[in-house]
Amino acid sequence: MPRIGAMRFAISLPQFCTDGTFDGDAFAAYATRAEELGFESGWTQEQALGAMPQLSPIEVMTYAAARTTRLRLGCSVFVTTLHSPVHLAKSLATLDQLSRGRLEVGVGTGGRRERTFPAFGVDPDSYLARFTEGLRLMKTLWTADPVTFSGDFWRLDGASMQPKPWQKPYPPLWYGGSGSLALRRAAREGHGFFGAGSSPTARFAEQVRVVREALTEAGREDDGFRIAKRAYVAVDDDPARARQRMNDALARIYDGRSATIESAAVTGTVTEVAAGLRDIALAGAELILLTPVYEQAEQMERLAAEVLPSVTG
């Protein structure tokens, strides 16, 4: 498995239906090939509303689980504030059982500026309280039986949820976020922190510093806590073409251009992309989620054959 020190690599799973139809054979070939190439895990994203034709993460992970045997499967991140915690806990426990314990779960609040809160009946002023209580309820459903729970948003009286997740006590929880409070929350409560693909490497390095300080304060330095980052990547012998294609794709994904987001992407020749990934590793990432945004299968092959040996060598 490619790594630099304790470094490992993951790959994004195809979720976009560019022509409005899903190609199951191509997806299966991609997932099995990712497993053959030694990637530790395959990851999805969540975007319930948006102009991009993006498939839902749980269903994509379930399909990938049926087509692979070793590849771990994750979502970075579920905006759990927008979900019913009972339904989400049930779906994730089911997927963990179907995959025989290969599930990783990324969670995030969506932030105060989450534009879709009204579409889900969520009061923006209560998003953090809903996030905190919802995760507490999910953990309780995964570990206790029966469940009696009295919160501000959800209540259960002697309820039961079976089966529990395959992994005990539940799948690893990765926390997303960028502000100091979110980073410290990740260090207190999570199994790992997942830096966003939209965060430039220098900003990610500062986030890692805050997380590590919080881990020390919580006495969790040796607790197995992991740090990861998504990296949007494009490798091309023509650096200008790679940058243009990347910027065009990011503008579609994020509904508009952003100099900050574009600067976070790693593009260019094999040498340039390898250097960018090394910088992310040196900033503190122990797992890098490689996220090609076009020609995903071809990009995955080039990354595995040409780029990663230069990063890990």
C-alpha atoms as a PDB file:
ATOM      1  CA  MET A   1       0.000   0.000   0.000  1.00  0.00           C
ATOM      2  CA  PRO A   2       1.490   3.363  -0.960  1.00  0.00           C
ATOM      3  CA  ARG A   3       2.481   5.514   2.026  1.00  0.00           C
ATOM      4  CA  ILE A   4       5.040   8.050   3.247  1.00  0.00           C
ATOM      5  CA  GLY A   5       5.864   7.244   6.824  1.00  0.00           C
ATOM      6  CA  ALA A   6       2.441   6.490   8.304  1.00  0.00           C
ATOM      7  CA  MET A   7       0.831   8.077   5.215  1.00  0.00           C
ATOM      8  CA  ARG A   8      -1.896   6.273   3.294  1.00  0.00           C
ATOM      9  CA  PHE A   9      -3.932   7.092   0.227  1.00  0.00           C
ATOM     10  CA  ALA A  10      -7.628   6.901  -0.562  1.00  0.00           C
ATOM     11  CA  ILE A  11      -9.489   7.571  -3.805  1.00  0.00           C
ATOM     12  CA  SER A  12     -12.845   9.208  -4.470  1.00  0.00           C
ATOM     13  CA  LEU A  13     -15.639   7.025  -5.823  1.00  0.00           C
ATOM     14  CA  PRO A  14     -17.457   8.159  -8.991  1.00  0.00           C
ATOM     15  CA  GLN A  15     -20.719   9.922  -8.108  1.00  0.00           C
ATOM     16  CA  PHE A  16     -21.390  12.199 -11.067  1.00  0.00           C
ATOM     17  CA  CYS A  17     -23.683  11.099 -13.891  1.00  0.00           C
ATOM     18  CA  THR A  18     -22.533  13.554 -16.527  1.00  0.00           C
ATOM     19  CA  ASP A  19     -25.113  12.405 -19.080  1.00  0.00           C
ATOM     20  CA  GLY A  20     -27.820  11.724 -16.513  1.00  0.00           C
ATOM     21  CA  THR A  21     -27.373   7.942 -16.435  1.00  0.00           C
ATOM     22  CA  PHE A  22     -25.402   5.622 -14.190  1.00  0.00           C
ATOM     23  CA  ASP A  23     -22.920   3.201 -15.778  1.00  0.00           C
ATOM     24  CA  GLY A  24     -22.841   0.274 -13.378  1.00  0.00           C
ATOM     25  CA  ASP A  25     -20.206  -1.690 -15.275  1.00  0.00           C
ATOM     26  CA  ALA A  26     -17.810   1.274 -15.382  1.00  0.00           C
ATOM     27  CA  PHE A  27     -18.373   1.935 -11.682  1.00  0.00           C
ATOM     28  CA  ALA A  28     -17.737  -1.695 -10.759  1.00  0.00           C
ATOM     29  CA  ALA A  29     -14.542  -1.743 -12.825  1.00  0.00           C
ATOM     30  CA  TYR A  30     -13.354   1.446 -11.116  1.00  0.00           C
ATOM     31  CA  ALA A  31     -14.067   0.174  -7.598  1.00  0.00           C
ATOM     32  CA  THR A  32     -12.407  -3.201  -8.132  1.00  0.00           C
ATOM     33  CA  ARG A  33      -9.419  -1.537  -9.780  1.00  0.00           C
ATOM     34  CA  ALA A  34      -9.040   0.862  -6.838  1.00  0.00           C
ATOM     35  CA  GLU A  35      -8.911  -2.165  -4.572  1.00  0.00           C
ATOM     36  CA  GLU A  36      -6.336  -3.882  -6.826  1.00  0.00           C
ATOM     37  CA  LEU A  37      -4.151  -0.766  -6.821  1.00  0.00           C
ATOM     38  CA  GLY A  38      -3.949  -0.868  -3.016  1.00  0.00           C
ATOM     39  CA  PHE A  39      -5.911   2.199  -2.043  1.00  0.00           C
ATOM     40  CA  GLU A  40      -6.960   1.993   1.574  1.00  0.00           C
ATOM     41  CA  SER A  41     -10.438   3.349   1.042  1.00  0.00           C
ATOM     42  CA  GLY A  42     -12.922   4.850  -1.415  1.00  0.00           C
ATOM     43  CA  TRP A  43     -14.852   7.963  -0.412  1.00  0.00           C
ATOM     44  CA  THR A  44     -18.004   9.807  -1.377  1.00  0.00           C
ATOM     45  CA  GLN A  45     -19.399  13.279  -0.790  1.00  0.00           C
ATOM     46  CA  GLU A  46     -22.901  14.408   0.166  1.00  0.00           C
ATOM     47  CA  GLN A  47     -24.847  17.049  -1.747  1.00  0.00           C
ATOM     48  CA  ALA A  48     -28.603  16.530  -1.620  1.00  0.00           C
ATOM     49  CA  LEU A  49     -29.365  19.714  -3.564  1.00  0.00           C
ATOM     50  CA  GLY A  50     -27.224  21.133  -6.346  1.00  0.00           C
ATOM     51  CA  ALA A  51     -26.893  21.545 -10.074  1.00  0.00           C
ATOM     52  CA  MET A  52     -24.308  18.775 -10.436  1.00  0.00           C
ATOM     53  CA  PRO A  53     -25.827  15.312 -11.151  1.00  0.00           C
ATOM     54  CA  GLN A  54     -24.372  13.717  -8.032  1.00  0.00           C
ATOM     55  CA  LEU A  55     -25.530  10.355  -6.676  1.00  0.00           C
ATOM     56  CA  SER A  56     -26.311   9.907  -2.982  1.00  0.00           C
ATOM     57  CA  PRO A  57     -23.376   8.659  -0.860  1.00  0.00           C
ATOM     58  CA  ILE A  58     -25.019   5.800   1.047  1.00  0.00           C
ATOM     59  CA  GLU A  59     -26.296   4.133  -2.112  1.00  0.00           C
ATOM     60  CA  VAL A  60     -22.941   4.611  -3.870  1.00  0.00           C
ATOM     61  CA  MET A  61     -21.062   3.105  -0.937  1.00  0.00           C
ATOM     62  CA  THR A  62     -23.502   0.196  -0.808  1.00  0.00           C
ATOM     63  CA  TYR A  63     -22.968  -0.516  -4.505  1.00  0.00           C
ATOM     64  CA  ALA A  64     -19.190  -0.320  -4.005  1.00  0.00           C
ATOM     65  CA  ALA A  65     -19.393  -2.660  -1.022  1.00  0.00           C
ATOM     66  CA  ALA A  66     -21.094  -5.272  -3.187  1.00  0.00           C
ATOM     67  CA  ARG A  67     -18.337  -5.013  -5.798  1.00  0.00           C
ATOM     68  CA  THR A  68     -15.309  -5.140  -3.488  1.00  0.00           C
ATOM     69  CA  THR A  69     -14.027  -7.207  -0.589  1.00  0.00           C
ATOM     70  CA  ARG A  70     -11.308  -5.149   1.149  1.00  0.00           C
ATOM     71  CA  LEU A  71     -11.748  -1.496   0.188  1.00  0.00           C
ATOM     72  CA  ARG A  72     -12.994   0.580   3.106  1.00  0.00           C
ATOM     73  CA  LEU A  73     -15.828   2.964   2.257  1.00  0.00           C
ATOM     74  CA  GLY A  74     -16.528   6.438   3.576  1.00  0.00           C
ATOM     75  CA  CYS A  75     -18.359   9.719   3.156  1.00  0.00           C
ATOM     76  CA  SER A  76     -16.703  13.044   3.846  1.00  0.00           C
ATOM     77  CA  VAL A  77     -18.925  14.403   5.088  1.00  0.00           C
ATOM     78  CA  PHE A  78     -22.543  13.780   6.008  1.00  0.00           C
ATOM     79  CA  VAL A  79     -24.137  17.053   7.100  1.00  0.00           C
ATOM     80  CA  THR A  80     -25.885  15.187   9.878  1.00  0.00           C
ATOM     81  CA  THR A  81     -27.835  18.298  10.923  1.00  0.00           C
ATOM     82  CA  LEU A  82     -30.005  17.747   7.835  1.00  0.00           C
ATOM     83  CA  HIS A  83     -30.787  14.115   8.673  1.00  0.00           C
ATOM     84  CA  SER A  84     -33.110  12.300  11.002  1.00  0.00           C
ATOM     85  CA  PRO A  85     -30.563  10.679  13.347  1.00  0.00           C
ATOM     86  CA  VAL A  86     -32.742   7.568  13.707  1.00  0.00           C
ATOM     87  CA  HIS A  87     -32.936   6.995   9.954  1.00  0.00           C
ATOM     88  CA  LEU A  88     -29.261   7.803   9.411  1.00  0.00           C
ATOM     89  CA  ALA A  89     -28.146   5.545  12.268  1.00  0.00           C
ATOM     90  CA  LYS A  90     -30.202   2.683  10.811  1.00  0.00           C
ATOM     91  CA  SER A  91     -28.860   3.166   7.273  1.00  0.00           C
ATOM     92  CA  LEU A  92     -25.238   3.340   8.420  1.00  0.00           C
ATOM     93  CA  ALA A  93     -25.561   0.336  10.721  1.00  0.00           C
ATOM     94  CA  THR A  94     -27.052  -1.599   7.801  1.00  0.00           C
ATOM     95  CA  LEU A  95     -24.233  -0.596   5.453  1.00  0.00           C
ATOM     96  CA  ASP A  96     -21.625  -1.508   8.062  1.00  0.00           C
ATOM     97  CA  GLN A  97     -23.226  -4.956   8.309  1.00  0.00           C
ATOM     98  CA  LEU A  98     -23.452  -5.386   4.509  1.00  0.00           C
ATOM     99  CA  SER A  99     -19.795  -4.424   4.082  1.00  0.00           C
ATOM    100  CA  ARG A 100     -18.716  -6.533   7.086  1.00  0.00           C
ATOM    101  CA  GLY A 101     -17.219  -3.614   8.948  1.00  0.00           C
ATOM    102  CA  ARG A 102     -15.679  -1.546   6.153  1.00  0.00           C
ATOM    103  CA  LEU A 103     -17.545   1.715   6.806  1.00  0.00           C
ATOM    104  CA  GLU A 104     -16.017   5.093   7.732  1.00  0.00           C
ATOM    105  CA  VAL A 105     -18.352   7.980   8.615  1.00  0.00           C
ATOM    106  CA  GLY A 106     -17.520  11.649   8.171  1.00  0.00           C
ATOM    107  CA  VAL A 107     -19.776  14.162   9.929  1.00  0.00           C
ATOM    108  CA  GLY A 108     -20.152  17.920   9.799  1.00  0.00           C
ATOM    109  CA  THR A 109     -22.554  20.614  10.948  1.00  0.00           C
ATOM    110  CA  GLY A 110     -22.944  22.377   7.613  1.00  0.00           C
ATOM    111  CA  GLY A 111     -21.995  25.636   9.303  1.00  0.00           C
ATOM    112  CA  ARG A 112     -24.162  28.665   9.946  1.00  0.00           C
ATOM    113  CA  ARG A 113     -24.081  29.570   6.261  1.00  0.00           C
ATOM    114  CA  GLU A 114     -25.544  26.251   5.065  1.00  0.00           C
ATOM    115  CA  ARG A 115     -27.961  27.485   2.405  1.00  0.00           C
ATOM    116  CA  THR A 116     -30.215  24.417   2.396  1.00  0.00           C
ATOM    117  CA  PHE A 117     -31.321  24.475   6.066  1.00  0.00           C
ATOM    118  CA  PRO A 118     -34.829  25.782   5.213  1.00  0.00           C
ATOM    119  CA  ALA A 119     -35.376  22.986   2.678  1.00  0.00           C
ATOM    120  CA  PHE A 120     -34.927  20.458   5.495  1.00  0.00           C
ATOM    121  CA  GLY A 121     -36.993  22.302   8.091  1.00  0.00           C
ATOM    122  CA  VAL A 122     -33.901  23.135  10.134  1.00  0.00           C
ATOM    123  CA  ASP A 123     -33.704  26.391  12.055  1.00  0.00           C
ATOM    124  CA  PRO A 124     -30.260  27.921  11.304  1.00  0.00           C
ATOM    125  CA  ASP A 125     -30.086  29.183  14.879  1.00  0.00           C
ATOM    126  CA  SER A 126     -30.291  25.646  16.262  1.00  0.00           C
ATOM    127  CA  TYR A 127     -28.012  23.814  13.803  1.00  0.00           C
ATOM    128  CA  LEU A 128     -25.186  23.197  16.283  1.00  0.00           C
ATOM    129  CA  ALA A 129     -27.493  21.933  19.021  1.00  0.00           C
ATOM    130  CA  ARG A 130     -29.183  19.604  16.510  1.00  0.00           C
ATOM    131  CA  PHE A 131     -25.805  18.341  15.308  1.00  0.00           C
ATOM    132  CA  THR A 132     -24.589  17.591  18.840  1.00  0.00           C
ATOM    133  CA  GLU A 133     -27.810  15.958  20.025  1.00  0.00           C
ATOM    134  CA  GLY A 134     -28.262  14.017  16.788  1.00  0.00           C
ATOM    135  CA  LEU A 135     -24.814  12.435  17.035  1.00  0.00           C
ATOM    136  CA  ARG A 136     -25.390  11.594  20.685  1.00  0.00           C
ATOM    137  CA  LEU A 137     -28.623   9.824  19.738  1.00  0.00           C
ATOM    138  CA  MET A 138     -26.954   7.922  16.887  1.00  0.00           C
ATOM    139  CA  LYS A 139     -24.199   6.675  19.175  1.00  0.00           C
ATOM    140  CA  THR A 140     -26.798   5.610  21.738  1.00  0.00           C
ATOM    141  CA  LEU A 141     -28.805   3.708  19.124  1.00  0.00           C
ATOM    142  CA  TRP A 142     -25.635   1.933  17.999  1.00  0.00           C
ATOM    143  CA  THR A 143     -24.581   0.860  21.496  1.00  0.00           C
ATOM    144  CA  ALA A 144     -27.604   0.530  23.806  1.00  0.00           C
ATOM    145  CA  ASP A 145     -30.732  -1.607  23.891  1.00  0.00           C
ATOM    146  CA  PRO A 146     -33.346  -0.605  24.742  1.00  0.00           C
ATOM    147  CA  VAL A 147     -32.901   3.133  24.223  1.00  0.00           C
ATOM    148  CA  THR A 148     -34.556   5.779  26.330  1.00  0.00           C
ATOM    149  CA  PHE A 149     -33.506   9.235  25.204  1.00  0.00           C
ATOM    150  CA  SER A 150     -34.819  12.652  26.161  1.00  0.00           C
ATOM    151  CA  GLY A 151     -33.480  15.581  24.189  1.00  0.00           C
ATOM    152  CA  ASP A 152     -34.603  18.937  22.923  1.00  0.00           C
ATOM    153  CA  PHE A 153     -35.265  17.617  19.414  1.00  0.00           C
ATOM    154  CA  TRP A 154     -35.741  13.837  19.712  1.00  0.00           C
ATOM    155  CA  ARG A 155     -37.208  11.513  22.335  1.00  0.00           C
ATOM    156  CA  LEU A 156     -37.335   7.728  22.572  1.00  0.00           C
ATOM    157  CA  ASP A 157     -38.853   5.567  25.290  1.00  0.00           C
ATOM    158  CA  GLY A 158     -37.634   1.978  25.447  1.00  0.00           C
ATOM    159  CA  ALA A 159     -36.954   1.829  21.699  1.00  0.00           C
ATOM    160  CA  SER A 160     -34.750  -0.791  20.063  1.00  0.00           C
ATOM    161  CA  MET A 161     -32.593  -0.662  16.945  1.00  0.00           C
ATOM    162  CA  GLN A 162     -31.164  -3.917  15.613  1.00  0.00           C
ATOM    163  CA  PRO A 163     -28.818  -4.996  14.256  1.00  0.00           C
ATOM    164  CA  LYS A 164     -26.058  -2.886  15.701  1.00  0.00           C
ATOM    165  CA  PRO A 165     -23.110  -1.972  13.449  1.00  0.00           C
ATOM    166  CA  TRP A 166     -20.590  -4.685  12.600  1.00  0.00           C
ATOM    167  CA  GLN A 167     -17.789  -2.532  14.036  1.00  0.00           C
ATOM    168  CA  LYS A 168     -17.850  -2.054  17.788  1.00  0.00           C
ATOM    169  CA  PRO A 169     -18.909   0.177  19.295  1.00  0.00           C
ATOM    170  CA  TYR A 170     -19.628   1.823  15.896  1.00  0.00           C
ATOM    171  CA  PRO A 171     -17.806   2.852  12.692  1.00  0.00           C
ATOM    172  CA  PRO A 172     -14.983   5.407  12.954  1.00  0.00           C
ATOM    173  CA  LEU A 173     -16.300   8.969  13.049  1.00  0.00           C
ATOM    174  CA  TRP A 174     -14.316  11.604  11.146  1.00  0.00           C
ATOM    175  CA  TYR A 175     -15.184  15.222  11.885  1.00  0.00           C
ATOM    176  CA  GLY A 176     -15.039  17.910   9.243  1.00  0.00           C
ATOM    177  CA  GLY A 177     -14.935  21.637   9.889  1.00  0.00           C
ATOM    178  CA  SER A 178     -12.571  24.576   9.684  1.00  0.00           C
ATOM    179  CA  GLY A 179     -13.163  26.914  12.629  1.00  0.00           C
ATOM    180  CA  SER A 180     -11.383  26.561  15.953  1.00  0.00           C
ATOM    181  CA  LEU A 181     -14.473  25.329  17.807  1.00  0.00           C
ATOM    182  CA  ALA A 182     -15.145  22.670  15.162  1.00  0.00           C
ATOM    183  CA  LEU A 183     -11.522  21.528  15.202  1.00  0.00           C
ATOM    184  CA  ARG A 184     -11.502  21.225  18.980  1.00  0.00           C
ATOM    185  CA  ARG A 185     -14.796  19.344  18.843  1.00  0.00           C
ATOM    186  CA  ALA A 186     -13.184  16.868  16.451  1.00  0.00           C
ATOM    187  CA  ALA A 187     -10.276  16.333  18.827  1.00  0.00           C
ATOM    188  CA  ARG A 188     -12.591  15.772  21.799  1.00  0.00           C
ATOM    189  CA  GLU A 189     -15.196  13.542  20.202  1.00  0.00           C
ATOM    190  CA  GLY A 190     -13.983  12.028  16.933  1.00  0.00           C
ATOM    191  CA  HIS A 191     -11.744   9.262  15.717  1.00  0.00           C
ATOM    192  CA  GLY A 192     -10.201  11.627  13.164  1.00  0.00           C
ATOM    193  CA  PHE A 193     -10.256  15.036  11.473  1.00  0.00           C
ATOM    194  CA  PHE A 194     -10.883  15.365   7.727  1.00  0.00           C
ATOM    195  CA  GLY A 195      -9.623  18.534   6.051  1.00  0.00           C
ATOM    196  CA  ALA A 196     -11.699  19.832   3.167  1.00  0.00           C
ATOM    197  CA  GLY A 197     -10.608  19.763  -0.445  1.00  0.00           C
ATOM    198  CA  SER A 198     -11.444  23.480  -0.555  1.00  0.00           C
ATOM    199  CA  SER A 199      -8.829  24.298   2.110  1.00  0.00           C
ATOM    200  CA  PRO A 200      -5.369  25.323   0.799  1.00  0.00           C
ATOM    201  CA  THR A 201      -2.456  23.398   2.264  1.00  0.00           C
ATOM    202  CA  ALA A 202      -1.244  26.290   4.420  1.00  0.00           C
ATOM    203  CA  ARG A 203      -4.681  26.649   5.998  1.00  0.00           C
ATOM    204  CA  PHE A 204      -4.862  22.890   6.538  1.00  0.00           C
ATOM    205  CA  ALA A 205      -1.484  23.009   8.325  1.00  0.00           C
ATOM    206  CA  GLU A 206      -2.879  25.588  10.742  1.00  0.00           C
ATOM    207  CA  GLN A 207      -5.966  23.433  11.308  1.00  0.00           C
ATOM    208  CA  VAL A 208      -3.734  20.466  12.109  1.00  0.00           C
ATOM    209  CA  ARG A 209      -1.859  22.581  14.657  1.00  0.00           C
ATOM    210  CA  VAL A 210      -5.134  23.448  16.427  1.00  0.00           C
ATOM    211  CA  VAL A 211      -6.289  19.823  16.370  1.00  0.00           C
ATOM    212  CA  ARG A 212      -3.024  18.559  17.828  1.00  0.00           C
ATOM    213  CA  GLU A 213      -3.097  21.173  20.580  1.00  0.00           C
ATOM    214  CA  ALA A 214      -6.639  20.102  21.436  1.00  0.00           C
ATOM    215  CA  LEU A 215      -5.639  16.433  21.439  1.00  0.00           C
ATOM    216  CA  THR A 216      -2.872  17.223  23.930  1.00  0.00           C
ATOM    217  CA  GLU A 217      -5.285  19.168  26.128  1.00  0.00           C
ATOM    218  CA  ALA A 218      -7.690  16.224  26.068  1.00  0.00           C
ATOM    219  CA  GLY A 219      -4.941  13.698  26.800  1.00  0.00           C
ATOM    220  CA  ARG A 220      -5.518  11.956  23.462  1.00  0.00           C
ATOM    221  CA  GLU A 221      -2.046  12.218  21.879  1.00  0.00           C
ATOM    222  CA  ASP A 222      -1.691   8.430  21.714  1.00  0.00           C
ATOM    223  CA  ASP A 223      -5.358   7.630  21.167  1.00  0.00           C
ATOM    224  CA  GLY A 224      -5.119   6.535  17.525  1.00  0.00           C
ATOM    225  CA  PHE A 225      -6.680   9.773  16.280  1.00  0.00           C
ATOM    226  CA  ARG A 226      -6.076  10.208  12.522  1.00  0.00           C
ATOM    227  CA  ILE A 227      -5.776  13.276  10.318  1.00  0.00           C
ATOM    228  CA  ALA A 228      -6.798  13.278   6.659  1.00  0.00           C
ATOM    229  CA  LYS A 229      -7.324  15.719   3.815  1.00  0.00           C
ATOM    230  CA  ARG A 230      -9.190  15.637   0.538  1.00  0.00           C
ATOM    231  CA  ALA A 231      -7.052  16.796  -2.391  1.00  0.00           C
ATOM    232  CA  TYR A 232      -8.598  17.670  -5.731  1.00  0.00           C
ATOM    233  CA  VAL A 233      -6.002  16.415  -8.229  1.00  0.00           C
ATOM    234  CA  ALA A 234      -5.361  16.564 -11.966  1.00  0.00           C
ATOM    235  CA  VAL A 235      -2.208  15.164 -13.548  1.00  0.00           C
ATOM    236  CA  ASP A 236      -1.382  16.141 -17.138  1.00  0.00           C
ATOM    237  CA  ASP A 237       1.764  16.606 -19.190  1.00  0.00           C
ATOM    238  CA  ASP A 238       0.274  20.008 -20.077  1.00  0.00           C
ATOM    239  CA  PRO A 239       0.043  21.911 -16.750  1.00  0.00           C
ATOM    240  CA  ALA A 240      -2.079  24.735 -18.176  1.00  0.00           C
ATOM    241  CA  ARG A 241      -4.638  22.273 -19.498  1.00  0.00           C
ATOM    242  CA  ALA A 242      -4.793  20.490 -16.136  1.00  0.00           C
ATOM    243  CA  ARG A 243      -5.362  23.757 -14.305  1.00  0.00           C
ATOM    244  CA  GLN A 244      -8.070  24.905 -16.697  1.00  0.00           C
ATOM    245  CA  ARG A 245      -9.953  21.625 -16.539  1.00  0.00           C
ATOM    246  CA  MET A 246      -9.689  21.599 -12.761  1.00  0.00           C
ATOM    247  CA  ASN A 247     -10.939  25.159 -12.379  1.00  0.00           C
ATOM    248  CA  ASP A 248     -13.857  24.505 -14.713  1.00  0.00           C
ATOM    249  CA  ALA A 249     -14.857  21.395 -12.736  1.00  0.00           C
ATOM    250  CA  LEU A 250     -14.556  23.108  -9.348  1.00  0.00           C
ATOM    251  CA  ALA A 251     -16.733  25.982 -10.575  1.00  0.00           C
ATOM    252  CA  ARG A 252     -19.458  23.458 -11.389  1.00  0.00           C
ATOM    253  CA  ILE A 253     -19.065  21.592  -8.098  1.00  0.00           C
ATOM    254  CA  TYR A 254     -19.063  24.734  -5.932  1.00  0.00           C
ATOM    255  CA  ASP A 255     -21.548  26.684  -8.056  1.00  0.00           C
ATOM    256  CA  GLY A 256     -19.099  29.428  -8.980  1.00  0.00           C
ATOM    257  CA  ARG A 257     -15.424  30.198  -9.115  1.00  0.00           C
ATOM    258  CA  SER A 258     -13.335  30.741  -5.988  1.00  0.00           C
ATOM    259  CA  ALA A 259      -9.655  31.649  -6.020  1.00  0.00           C
ATOM    260  CA  THR A 260      -9.230  30.043  -2.593  1.00  0.00           C
ATOM    261  CA  ILE A 261     -10.751  26.729  -3.638  1.00  0.00           C
ATOM    262  CA  GLU A 262      -8.816  26.702  -6.907  1.00  0.00           C
ATOM    263  CA  SER A 263      -5.550  27.341  -5.057  1.00  0.00           C
ATOM    264  CA  ALA A 264      -6.224  24.293  -2.867  1.00  0.00           C
ATOM    265  CA  ALA A 265      -6.274  21.931  -5.861  1.00  0.00           C
ATOM    266  CA  VAL A 266      -3.120  20.054  -6.870  1.00  0.00           C
ATOM    267  CA  THR A 267      -2.571  20.057 -10.621  1.00  0.00           C
ATOM    268  CA  GLY A 268       0.184  19.786 -13.212  1.00  0.00           C
ATOM    269  CA  THR A 269       2.802  17.301 -14.287  1.00  0.00           C
ATOM    270  CA  VAL A 270       3.656  14.138 -12.397  1.00  0.00           C
ATOM    271  CA  THR A 271       6.473  15.982 -10.628  1.00  0.00           C
ATOM    272  CA  GLU A 272       4.275  18.938  -9.713  1.00  0.00           C
ATOM    273  CA  VAL A 273       1.417  16.825  -8.387  1.00  0.00           C
ATOM    274  CA  ALA A 274       3.802  14.657  -6.362  1.00  0.00           C
ATOM    275  CA  ALA A 275       5.319  17.786  -4.820  1.00  0.00           C
ATOM    276  CA  GLY A 276       1.874  19.123  -3.929  1.00  0.00           C
ATOM    277  CA  LEU A 277       0.903  15.864  -2.249  1.00  0.00           C
ATOM    278  CA  ARG A 278       4.172  15.787  -0.305  1.00  0.00           C
ATOM    279  CA  ASP A 279       3.366  19.280   0.971  1.00  0.00           C
ATOM    280  CA  ILE A 280      -0.017  18.033   2.216  1.00  0.00           C
ATOM    281  CA  ALA A 281       1.694  15.131   3.979  1.00  0.00           C
ATOM    282  CA  LEU A 282       4.218  17.460   5.579  1.00  0.00           C
ATOM    283  CA  ALA A 283       1.327  19.669   6.720  1.00  0.00           C
ATOM    284  CA  GLY A 284       0.113  16.742   8.812  1.00  0.00           C
ATOM    285  CA  ALA A 285      -2.082  14.495   6.674  1.00  0.00           C
ATOM    286  CA  GLU A 286      -1.758  10.796   7.434  1.00  0.00           C
ATOM    287  CA  LEU A 287      -4.374   9.927   4.822  1.00  0.00           C
ATOM    288  CA  ILE A 288      -4.828  11.828   1.554  1.00  0.00           C
ATOM    289  CA  LEU A 289      -8.080  11.378  -0.325  1.00  0.00           C
ATOM    290  CA  LEU A 290      -7.207  11.807  -4.009  1.00  0.00           C
ATOM    291  CA  THR A 291     -10.170  13.317  -5.831  1.00  0.00           C
ATOM    292  CA  PRO A 292      -9.935  13.517  -9.622  1.00  0.00           C
ATOM    293  CA  VAL A 293     -12.715  15.639 -11.071  1.00  0.00           C
ATOM    294  CA  TYR A 294     -12.619  14.398 -14.677  1.00  0.00           C
ATOM    295  CA  GLU A 295     -11.564  11.171 -16.425  1.00  0.00           C
ATOM    296  CA  GLN A 296     -11.524   9.547 -12.989  1.00  0.00           C
ATOM    297  CA  ALA A 297     -10.453   6.062 -14.081  1.00  0.00           C
ATOM    298  CA  GLU A 298      -7.587   7.362 -16.230  1.00  0.00           C
ATOM    299  CA  GLN A 299      -6.480   9.783 -13.519  1.00  0.00           C
ATOM    300  CA  MET A 300      -6.531   7.030 -10.892  1.00  0.00           C
ATOM    301  CA  GLU A 301      -4.235   4.882 -13.024  1.00  0.00           C
ATOM    302  CA  ARG A 302      -1.738   7.714 -13.577  1.00  0.00           C
ATOM    303  CA  LEU A 303      -1.778   8.668  -9.915  1.00  0.00           C
ATOM    304  CA  ALA A 304      -1.104   5.093  -8.793  1.00  0.00           C
ATOM    305  CA  ALA A 305       1.521   4.293 -11.436  1.00  0.00           C
ATOM    306  CA  GLU A 306       3.376   7.606 -11.773  1.00  0.00           C
ATOM    307  CA  VAL A 307       2.632  10.019  -8.944  1.00  0.00           C
ATOM    308  CA  LEU A 308       2.373   8.010  -5.729  1.00  0.00           C
ATOM    309  CA  PRO A 309       5.723   6.219  -6.180  1.00  0.00           C
ATOM    310  CA  SER A 310       7.314   9.683  -6.352  1.00  0.00           C
ATOM    311  CA  VAL A 311       5.510  10.729  -3.163  1.00  0.00           C
ATOM    312  CA  THR A 312       6.348   7.633  -1.167  1.00  0.00           C
ATOM    313  CA  GLY A 313       9.794   6.882  -2.607  1.00  0.00           C
END
